Amino acid sequence: MKYEKLYFSIMKSKGYDADQVGEALDKLNLDFPEEKLYQIKSAIVFLSNFEREVPGLVEQANRNYQSVLNAATVKE
């Protein structure tokens, strides 16, 4: 559960509201194992500057999740 821990660590460091972000992330339409989904969720939260950006990043991930993962790797 490496990515699950990363996800919660990023959420805590950014001070995001877990319910609000979780609601946006629930709209991910990707059929992956839980660990892969946490990797994508971590990337989305990492890339966002504000909570309100999360829904747009979710839409982008639904279209092309790999672009979100690549962007997070570059930003890191």
PDB file of N, CA and C in Angstrom:
ATOM      1  N   MET A   1       0.819  -1.188   0.000  1.00  0.00           N
ATOM      2  CA  MET A   1       0.000   0.000   0.000  1.00  0.00           C
ATOM      3  C   MET A   1       0.871   1.263   0.000  1.00  0.00           C
ATOM      4  N   LYS A   2       1.941   1.204  -0.736  1.00  0.00           N
ATOM      5  CA  LYS A   2       2.873   2.328  -0.837  1.00  0.00           C
ATOM      6  C   LYS A   2       2.174   3.597  -1.318  1.00  0.00           C
ATOM      7  N   TYR A   3       1.370   3.482  -2.359  1.00  0.00           N
ATOM      8  CA  TYR A   3       0.717   4.662  -2.931  1.00  0.00           C
ATOM      9  C   TYR A   3      -0.427   5.171  -2.067  1.00  0.00           C
ATOM     10  N   GLU A   4      -1.050   4.284  -1.321  1.00  0.00           N
ATOM     11  CA  GLU A   4      -2.099   4.732  -0.400  1.00  0.00           C
ATOM     12  C   GLU A   4      -1.490   5.635   0.673  1.00  0.00           C
ATOM     13  N   LYS A   5      -0.350   5.231   1.214  1.00  0.00           N
ATOM     14  CA  LYS A   5       0.339   6.054   2.211  1.00  0.00           C
ATOM     15  C   LYS A   5       0.786   7.376   1.600  1.00  0.00           C
ATOM     16  N   LEU A   6       1.292   7.329   0.378  1.00  0.00           N
ATOM     17  CA  LEU A   6       1.714   8.545  -0.311  1.00  0.00           C
ATOM     18  C   LEU A   6       0.532   9.490  -0.497  1.00  0.00           C
ATOM     19  N   TYR A   7      -0.594   8.944  -0.925  1.00  0.00           N
ATOM     20  CA  TYR A   7      -1.806   9.744  -1.132  1.00  0.00           C
ATOM     21  C   TYR A   7      -2.187  10.491   0.144  1.00  0.00           C
ATOM     22  N   PHE A   8      -2.268   9.777   1.260  1.00  0.00           N
ATOM     23  CA  PHE A   8      -2.672  10.410   2.514  1.00  0.00           C
ATOM     24  C   PHE A   8      -1.617  11.390   3.015  1.00  0.00           C
ATOM     25  N   SER A   9      -0.363  11.108   2.757  1.00  0.00           N
ATOM     26  CA  SER A   9       0.712  12.024   3.133  1.00  0.00           C
ATOM     27  C   SER A   9       0.613  13.342   2.362  1.00  0.00           C
ATOM     28  N   ILE A  10       0.359  13.266   1.067  1.00  0.00           N
ATOM     29  CA  ILE A  10       0.220  14.471   0.247  1.00  0.00           C
ATOM     30  C   ILE A  10      -1.024  15.249   0.669  1.00  0.00           C
ATOM     31  N   MET A  11      -2.121  14.540   0.902  1.00  0.00           N
ATOM     32  CA  MET A  11      -3.356  15.199   1.344  1.00  0.00           C
ATOM     33  C   MET A  11      -3.104  15.982   2.639  1.00  0.00           C
ATOM     34  N   LYS A  12      -2.422  15.357   3.571  1.00  0.00           N
ATOM     35  CA  LYS A  12      -2.145  15.995   4.857  1.00  0.00           C
ATOM     36  C   LYS A  12      -1.230  17.200   4.676  1.00  0.00           C
ATOM     37  N   SER A  13      -0.187  17.058   3.864  1.00  0.00           N
ATOM     38  CA  SER A  13       0.763  18.159   3.691  1.00  0.00           C
ATOM     39  C   SER A  13       0.127  19.366   3.002  1.00  0.00           C
ATOM     40  N   LYS A  14      -0.859  19.120   2.145  1.00  0.00           N
ATOM     41  CA  LYS A  14      -1.532  20.222   1.446  1.00  0.00           C
ATOM     42  C   LYS A  14      -2.721  20.766   2.236  1.00  0.00           C
ATOM     43  N   GLY A  15      -3.126  20.053   3.279  1.00  0.00           N
ATOM     44  CA  GLY A  15      -4.240  20.506   4.102  1.00  0.00           C
ATOM     45  C   GLY A  15      -5.585  20.439   3.402  1.00  0.00           C
ATOM     46  N   TYR A  16      -5.720  19.517   2.463  1.00  0.00           N
ATOM     47  CA  TYR A  16      -6.963  19.383   1.708  1.00  0.00           C
ATOM     48  C   TYR A  16      -8.041  18.714   2.554  1.00  0.00           C
ATOM     49  N   ASP A  17      -9.285  19.057   2.270  1.00  0.00           N
ATOM     50  CA  ASP A  17     -10.431  18.431   2.909  1.00  0.00           C
ATOM     51  C   ASP A  17     -10.641  17.055   2.273  1.00  0.00           C
ATOM     52  N   ALA A  18     -10.501  16.013   3.063  1.00  0.00           N
ATOM     53  CA  ALA A  18     -10.563  14.646   2.543  1.00  0.00           C
ATOM     54  C   ALA A  18     -11.908  14.332   1.901  1.00  0.00           C
ATOM     55  N   ASP A  19     -12.994  14.846   2.462  1.00  0.00           N
ATOM     56  CA  ASP A  19     -14.317  14.572   1.899  1.00  0.00           C
ATOM     57  C   ASP A  19     -14.491  15.231   0.539  1.00  0.00           C
ATOM     58  N   GLN A  20     -14.080  16.487   0.441  1.00  0.00           N
ATOM     59  CA  GLN A  20     -14.240  17.218  -0.814  1.00  0.00           C
ATOM     60  C   GLN A  20     -13.388  16.597  -1.929  1.00  0.00           C
ATOM     61  N   VAL A  21     -12.145  16.315  -1.627  1.00  0.00           N
ATOM     62  CA  VAL A  21     -11.257  15.722  -2.632  1.00  0.00           C
ATOM     63  C   VAL A  21     -11.702  14.299  -2.942  1.00  0.00           C
ATOM     64  N   GLY A  22     -12.092  13.556  -1.922  1.00  0.00           N
ATOM     65  CA  GLY A  22     -12.558  12.188  -2.128  1.00  0.00           C
ATOM     66  C   GLY A  22     -13.766  12.119  -3.043  1.00  0.00           C
ATOM     67  N   GLU A  23     -14.663  13.096  -2.897  1.00  0.00           N
ATOM     68  CA  GLU A  23     -15.847  13.157  -3.757  1.00  0.00           C
ATOM     69  C   GLU A  23     -15.440  13.355  -5.219  1.00  0.00           C
ATOM     70  N   ALA A  24     -14.473  14.216  -5.455  1.00  0.00           N
ATOM     71  CA  ALA A  24     -13.991  14.449  -6.824  1.00  0.00           C
ATOM     72  C   ALA A  24     -13.285  13.205  -7.362  1.00  0.00           C
ATOM     73  N   LEU A  25     -12.482  12.571  -6.517  1.00  0.00           N
ATOM     74  CA  LEU A  25     -11.729  11.395  -6.954  1.00  0.00           C
ATOM     75  C   LEU A  25     -12.630  10.188  -7.197  1.00  0.00           C
ATOM     76  N   ASP A  26     -13.801  10.177  -6.575  1.00  0.00           N
ATOM     77  CA  ASP A  26     -14.754   9.088  -6.807  1.00  0.00           C
ATOM     78  C   ASP A  26     -15.241   9.066  -8.254  1.00  0.00           C
ATOM     79  N   LYS A  27     -15.029  10.144  -8.972  1.00  0.00           N
ATOM     80  CA  LYS A  27     -15.465  10.226 -10.367  1.00  0.00           C
ATOM     81  C   LYS A  27     -14.433   9.669 -11.340  1.00  0.00           C
ATOM     82  N   LEU A  28     -13.353   9.094 -10.816  1.00  0.00           N
ATOM     83  CA  LEU A  28     -12.391   8.417 -11.687  1.00  0.00           C
ATOM     84  C   LEU A  28     -13.067   7.191 -12.290  1.00  0.00           C
ATOM     85  N   ASN A  29     -13.067   7.096 -13.595  1.00  0.00           N
ATOM     86  CA  ASN A  29     -13.673   5.960 -14.295  1.00  0.00           C
ATOM     87  C   ASN A  29     -12.586   5.066 -14.864  1.00  0.00           C
ATOM     88  N   LEU A  30     -11.759   4.545 -13.985  1.00  0.00           N
ATOM     89  CA  LEU A  30     -10.651   3.702 -14.410  1.00  0.00           C
ATOM     90  C   LEU A  30     -10.777   2.352 -13.724  1.00  0.00           C
ATOM     91  N   ASP A  31     -10.553   1.316 -14.478  1.00  0.00           N
ATOM     92  CA  ASP A  31     -10.671  -0.042 -13.951  1.00  0.00           C
ATOM     93  C   ASP A  31      -9.273  -0.606 -13.709  1.00  0.00           C
ATOM     94  N   PHE A  32      -8.738  -0.291 -12.530  1.00  0.00           N
ATOM     95  CA  PHE A  32      -7.409  -0.747 -12.146  1.00  0.00           C
ATOM     96  C   PHE A  32      -7.473  -1.324 -10.743  1.00  0.00           C
ATOM     97  N   PRO A  33      -6.469  -2.105 -10.367  1.00  0.00           N
ATOM     98  CA  PRO A  33      -6.384  -2.547  -8.971  1.00  0.00           C
ATOM     99  C   PRO A  33      -6.249  -1.327  -8.051  1.00  0.00           C
ATOM    100  N   GLU A  34      -6.601  -1.514  -6.802  1.00  0.00           N
ATOM    101  CA  GLU A  34      -6.618  -0.416  -5.830  1.00  0.00           C
ATOM    102  C   GLU A  34      -5.279   0.316  -5.745  1.00  0.00           C
ATOM    103  N   GLU A  35      -4.175  -0.407  -5.756  1.00  0.00           N
ATOM    104  CA  GLU A  35      -2.855   0.227  -5.644  1.00  0.00           C
ATOM    105  C   GLU A  35      -2.584   1.161  -6.824  1.00  0.00           C
ATOM    106  N   LYS A  36      -2.964   0.763  -8.027  1.00  0.00           N
ATOM    107  CA  LYS A  36      -2.779   1.613  -9.210  1.00  0.00           C
ATOM    108  C   LYS A  36      -3.668   2.855  -9.110  1.00  0.00           C
ATOM    109  N   LEU A  37      -4.882   2.691  -8.610  1.00  0.00           N
ATOM    110  CA  LEU A  37      -5.768   3.843  -8.428  1.00  0.00           C
ATOM    111  C   LEU A  37      -5.183   4.833  -7.425  1.00  0.00           C
ATOM    112  N   TYR A  38      -4.574   4.327  -6.357  1.00  0.00           N
ATOM    113  CA  TYR A  38      -3.941   5.230  -5.389  1.00  0.00           C
ATOM    114  C   TYR A  38      -2.737   5.939  -6.007  1.00  0.00           C
ATOM    115  N   GLN A  39      -2.054   5.282  -6.923  1.00  0.00           N
ATOM    116  CA  GLN A  39      -0.953   5.939  -7.626  1.00  0.00           C
ATOM    117  C   GLN A  39      -1.490   7.126  -8.434  1.00  0.00           C
ATOM    118  N   ILE A  40      -2.582   6.910  -9.127  1.00  0.00           N
ATOM    119  CA  ILE A  40      -3.192   7.966  -9.944  1.00  0.00           C
ATOM    120  C   ILE A  40      -3.768   9.065  -9.050  1.00  0.00           C
ATOM    121  N   LYS A  41      -4.433   8.683  -7.967  1.00  0.00           N
ATOM    122  CA  LYS A  41      -4.972   9.673  -7.032  1.00  0.00           C
ATOM    123  C   LYS A  41      -3.848  10.515  -6.430  1.00  0.00           C
ATOM    124  N   SER A  42      -2.744   9.873  -6.080  1.00  0.00           N
ATOM    125  CA  SER A  42      -1.592  10.594  -5.535  1.00  0.00           C
ATOM    126  C   SER A  42      -1.062  11.602  -6.534  1.00  0.00           C
ATOM    127  N   ALA A  43      -0.976  11.191  -7.791  1.00  0.00           N
ATOM    128  CA  ALA A  43      -0.486  12.090  -8.840  1.00  0.00           C
ATOM    129  C   ALA A  43      -1.413  13.289  -9.002  1.00  0.00           C
ATOM    130  N   ILE A  44      -2.712  13.046  -8.974  1.00  0.00           N
ATOM    131  CA  ILE A  44      -3.689  14.130  -9.125  1.00  0.00           C
ATOM    132  C   ILE A  44      -3.550  15.137  -7.987  1.00  0.00           C
ATOM    133  N   VAL A  45      -3.497  14.651  -6.770  1.00  0.00           N
ATOM    134  CA  VAL A  45      -3.392  15.546  -5.615  1.00  0.00           C
ATOM    135  C   VAL A  45      -2.042  16.267  -5.630  1.00  0.00           C
ATOM    136  N   PHE A  46      -0.987  15.573  -6.001  1.00  0.00           N
ATOM    137  CA  PHE A  46       0.347  16.169  -6.078  1.00  0.00           C
ATOM    138  C   PHE A  46       0.387  17.307  -7.095  1.00  0.00           C
ATOM    139  N   LEU A  47      -0.250  17.108  -8.239  1.00  0.00           N
ATOM    140  CA  LEU A  47      -0.231  18.110  -9.303  1.00  0.00           C
ATOM    141  C   LEU A  47      -1.093  19.332  -9.003  1.00  0.00           C
ATOM    142  N   SER A  48      -2.107  19.158  -8.180  1.00  0.00           N
ATOM    143  CA  SER A  48      -3.028  20.270  -7.918  1.00  0.00           C
ATOM    144  C   SER A  48      -2.382  21.303  -7.001  1.00  0.00           C
ATOM    145  N   ASN A  49      -2.720  22.552  -7.257  1.00  0.00           N
ATOM    146  CA  ASN A  49      -2.273  23.640  -6.382  1.00  0.00           C
ATOM    147  C   ASN A  49      -3.351  24.011  -5.373  1.00  0.00           C
ATOM    148  N   PHE A  50      -4.586  23.723  -5.715  1.00  0.00           N
ATOM    149  CA  PHE A  50      -5.738  24.017  -4.866  1.00  0.00           C
ATOM    150  C   PHE A  50      -6.735  22.877  -5.006  1.00  0.00           C
ATOM    151  N   GLU A  51      -7.578  22.688  -3.986  1.00  0.00           N
ATOM    152  CA  GLU A  51      -8.588  21.630  -4.029  1.00  0.00           C
ATOM    153  C   GLU A  51      -9.483  21.752  -5.252  1.00  0.00           C
ATOM    154  N   ARG A  52      -9.791  22.967  -5.647  1.00  0.00           N
ATOM    155  CA  ARG A  52     -10.724  23.167  -6.769  1.00  0.00           C
ATOM    156  C   ARG A  52     -10.152  22.686  -8.106  1.00  0.00           C
ATOM    157  N   GLU A  53      -8.859  22.423  -8.177  1.00  0.00           N
ATOM    158  CA  GLU A  53      -8.253  21.913  -9.409  1.00  0.00           C
ATOM    159  C   GLU A  53      -8.411  20.402  -9.563  1.00  0.00           C
ATOM    160  N   VAL A  54      -8.737  19.719  -8.489  1.00  0.00           N
ATOM    161  CA  VAL A  54      -8.811  18.255  -8.510  1.00  0.00           C
ATOM    162  C   VAL A  54      -9.837  17.732  -9.522  1.00  0.00           C
ATOM    163  N   PRO A  55     -11.068  18.257  -9.588  1.00  0.00           N
ATOM    164  CA  PRO A  55     -12.025  17.724 -10.567  1.00  0.00           C
ATOM    165  C   PRO A  55     -11.520  17.797 -12.015  1.00  0.00           C
ATOM    166  N   GLY A  56     -10.849  18.875 -12.376  1.00  0.00           N
ATOM    167  CA  GLY A  56     -10.308  18.993 -13.734  1.00  0.00           C
ATOM    168  C   GLY A  56      -9.223  17.967 -14.003  1.00  0.00           C
ATOM    169  N   LEU A  57      -8.406  17.696 -12.996  1.00  0.00           N
ATOM    170  CA  LEU A  57      -7.363  16.681 -13.152  1.00  0.00           C
ATOM    171  C   LEU A  57      -7.966  15.279 -13.225  1.00  0.00           C
ATOM    172  N   VAL A  58      -9.075  15.073 -12.529  1.00  0.00           N
ATOM    173  CA  VAL A  58      -9.783  13.786 -12.615  1.00  0.00           C
ATOM    174  C   VAL A  58     -10.300  13.583 -14.038  1.00  0.00           C
ATOM    175  N   GLU A  59     -10.880  14.634 -14.622  1.00  0.00           N
ATOM    176  CA  GLU A  59     -11.360  14.540 -16.007  1.00  0.00           C
ATOM    177  C   GLU A  59     -10.214  14.216 -16.954  1.00  0.00           C
ATOM    178  N   GLN A  60      -9.083  14.866 -16.736  1.00  0.00           N
ATOM    179  CA  GLN A  60      -7.912  14.599 -17.580  1.00  0.00           C
ATOM    180  C   GLN A  60      -7.449  13.154 -17.417  1.00  0.00           C
ATOM    181  N   ALA A  61      -7.433  12.663 -16.188  1.00  0.00           N
ATOM    182  CA  ALA A  61      -7.017  11.281 -15.938  1.00  0.00           C
ATOM    183  C   ALA A  61      -7.978  10.293 -16.585  1.00  0.00           C
ATOM    184  N   ASN A  62      -9.269  10.612 -16.582  1.00  0.00           N
ATOM    185  CA  ASN A  62     -10.242   9.731 -17.229  1.00  0.00           C
ATOM    186  C   ASN A  62      -9.998   9.648 -18.734  1.00  0.00           C
ATOM    187  N   ARG A  63      -9.509  10.736 -19.317  1.00  0.00           N
ATOM    188  CA  ARG A  63      -9.202  10.737 -20.755  1.00  0.00           C
ATOM    189  C   ARG A  63      -7.862  10.067 -21.042  1.00  0.00           C
ATOM    190  N   ASN A  64      -6.860  10.342 -20.180  1.00  0.00           N
ATOM    191  CA  ASN A  64      -5.513   9.825 -20.412  1.00  0.00           C
ATOM    192  C   ASN A  64      -4.754   9.821 -19.085  1.00  0.00           C
ATOM    193  N   TYR A  65      -4.919   8.746 -18.326  1.00  0.00           N
ATOM    194  CA  TYR A  65      -4.306   8.681 -17.000  1.00  0.00           C
ATOM    195  C   TYR A  65      -2.787   8.739 -17.068  1.00  0.00           C
ATOM    196  N   GLN A  66      -2.213   8.212 -18.144  1.00  0.00           N
ATOM    197  CA  GLN A  66      -0.752   8.183 -18.256  1.00  0.00           C
ATOM    198  C   GLN A  66      -0.171   9.595 -18.319  1.00  0.00           C
ATOM    199  N   SER A  67      -0.888  10.518 -18.931  1.00  0.00           N
ATOM    200  CA  SER A  67      -0.399  11.901 -18.993  1.00  0.00           C
ATOM    201  C   SER A  67      -0.324  12.514 -17.597  1.00  0.00           C
ATOM    202  N   VAL A  68      -1.259  12.157 -16.733  1.00  0.00           N
ATOM    203  CA  VAL A  68      -1.245  12.655 -15.357  1.00  0.00           C
ATOM    204  C   VAL A  68      -0.055  12.060 -14.603  1.00  0.00           C
ATOM    205  N   LEU A  69       0.174  10.769 -14.779  1.00  0.00           N
ATOM    206  CA  LEU A  69       1.316  10.137 -14.116  1.00  0.00           C
ATOM    207  C   LEU A  69       2.629  10.728 -14.616  1.00  0.00           C
ATOM    208  N   ASN A  70       2.723  10.949 -15.916  1.00  0.00           N
ATOM    209  CA  ASN A  70       3.944  11.532 -16.484  1.00  0.00           C
ATOM    210  C   ASN A  70       4.177  12.944 -15.962  1.00  0.00           C
ATOM    211  N   ALA A  71       3.128  13.740 -15.896  1.00  0.00           N
ATOM    212  CA  ALA A  71       3.254  15.117 -15.406  1.00  0.00           C
ATOM    213  C   ALA A  71       3.709  15.137 -13.946  1.00  0.00           C
ATOM    214  N   ALA A  72       3.202  14.224 -13.148  1.00  0.00           N
ATOM    215  CA  ALA A  72       3.601  14.161 -11.741  1.00  0.00           C
ATOM    216  C   ALA A  72       5.065  13.762 -11.616  1.00  0.00           C
ATOM    217  N   THR A  73       5.514  12.877 -12.474  1.00  0.00           N
ATOM    218  CA  THR A  73       6.914  12.451 -12.451  1.00  0.00           C
ATOM    219  C   THR A  73       7.826  13.614 -12.819  1.00  0.00           C
ATOM    220  N   VAL A  74       7.445  14.384 -13.820  1.00  0.00           N
ATOM    221  CA  VAL A  74       8.248  15.528 -14.249  1.00  0.00           C
ATOM    222  C   VAL A  74       8.278  16.591 -13.158  1.00  0.00           C
ATOM    223  N   LYS A  75       7.130  16.870 -12.531  1.00  0.00           N
ATOM    224  CA  LYS A  75       7.054  17.900 -11.491  1.00  0.00           C
ATOM    225  C   LYS A  75       7.859  17.506 -10.265  1.00  0.00           C
ATOM    226  N   GLU A  76       7.919  16.223  -9.980  1.00  0.00           N
ATOM    227  CA  GLU A  76       8.625  15.713  -8.811  1.00  0.00           C
ATOM    228  C   GLU A  76      10.077  16.084  -8.927  1.00  0.00           C
TER     229      GLU A  76
END
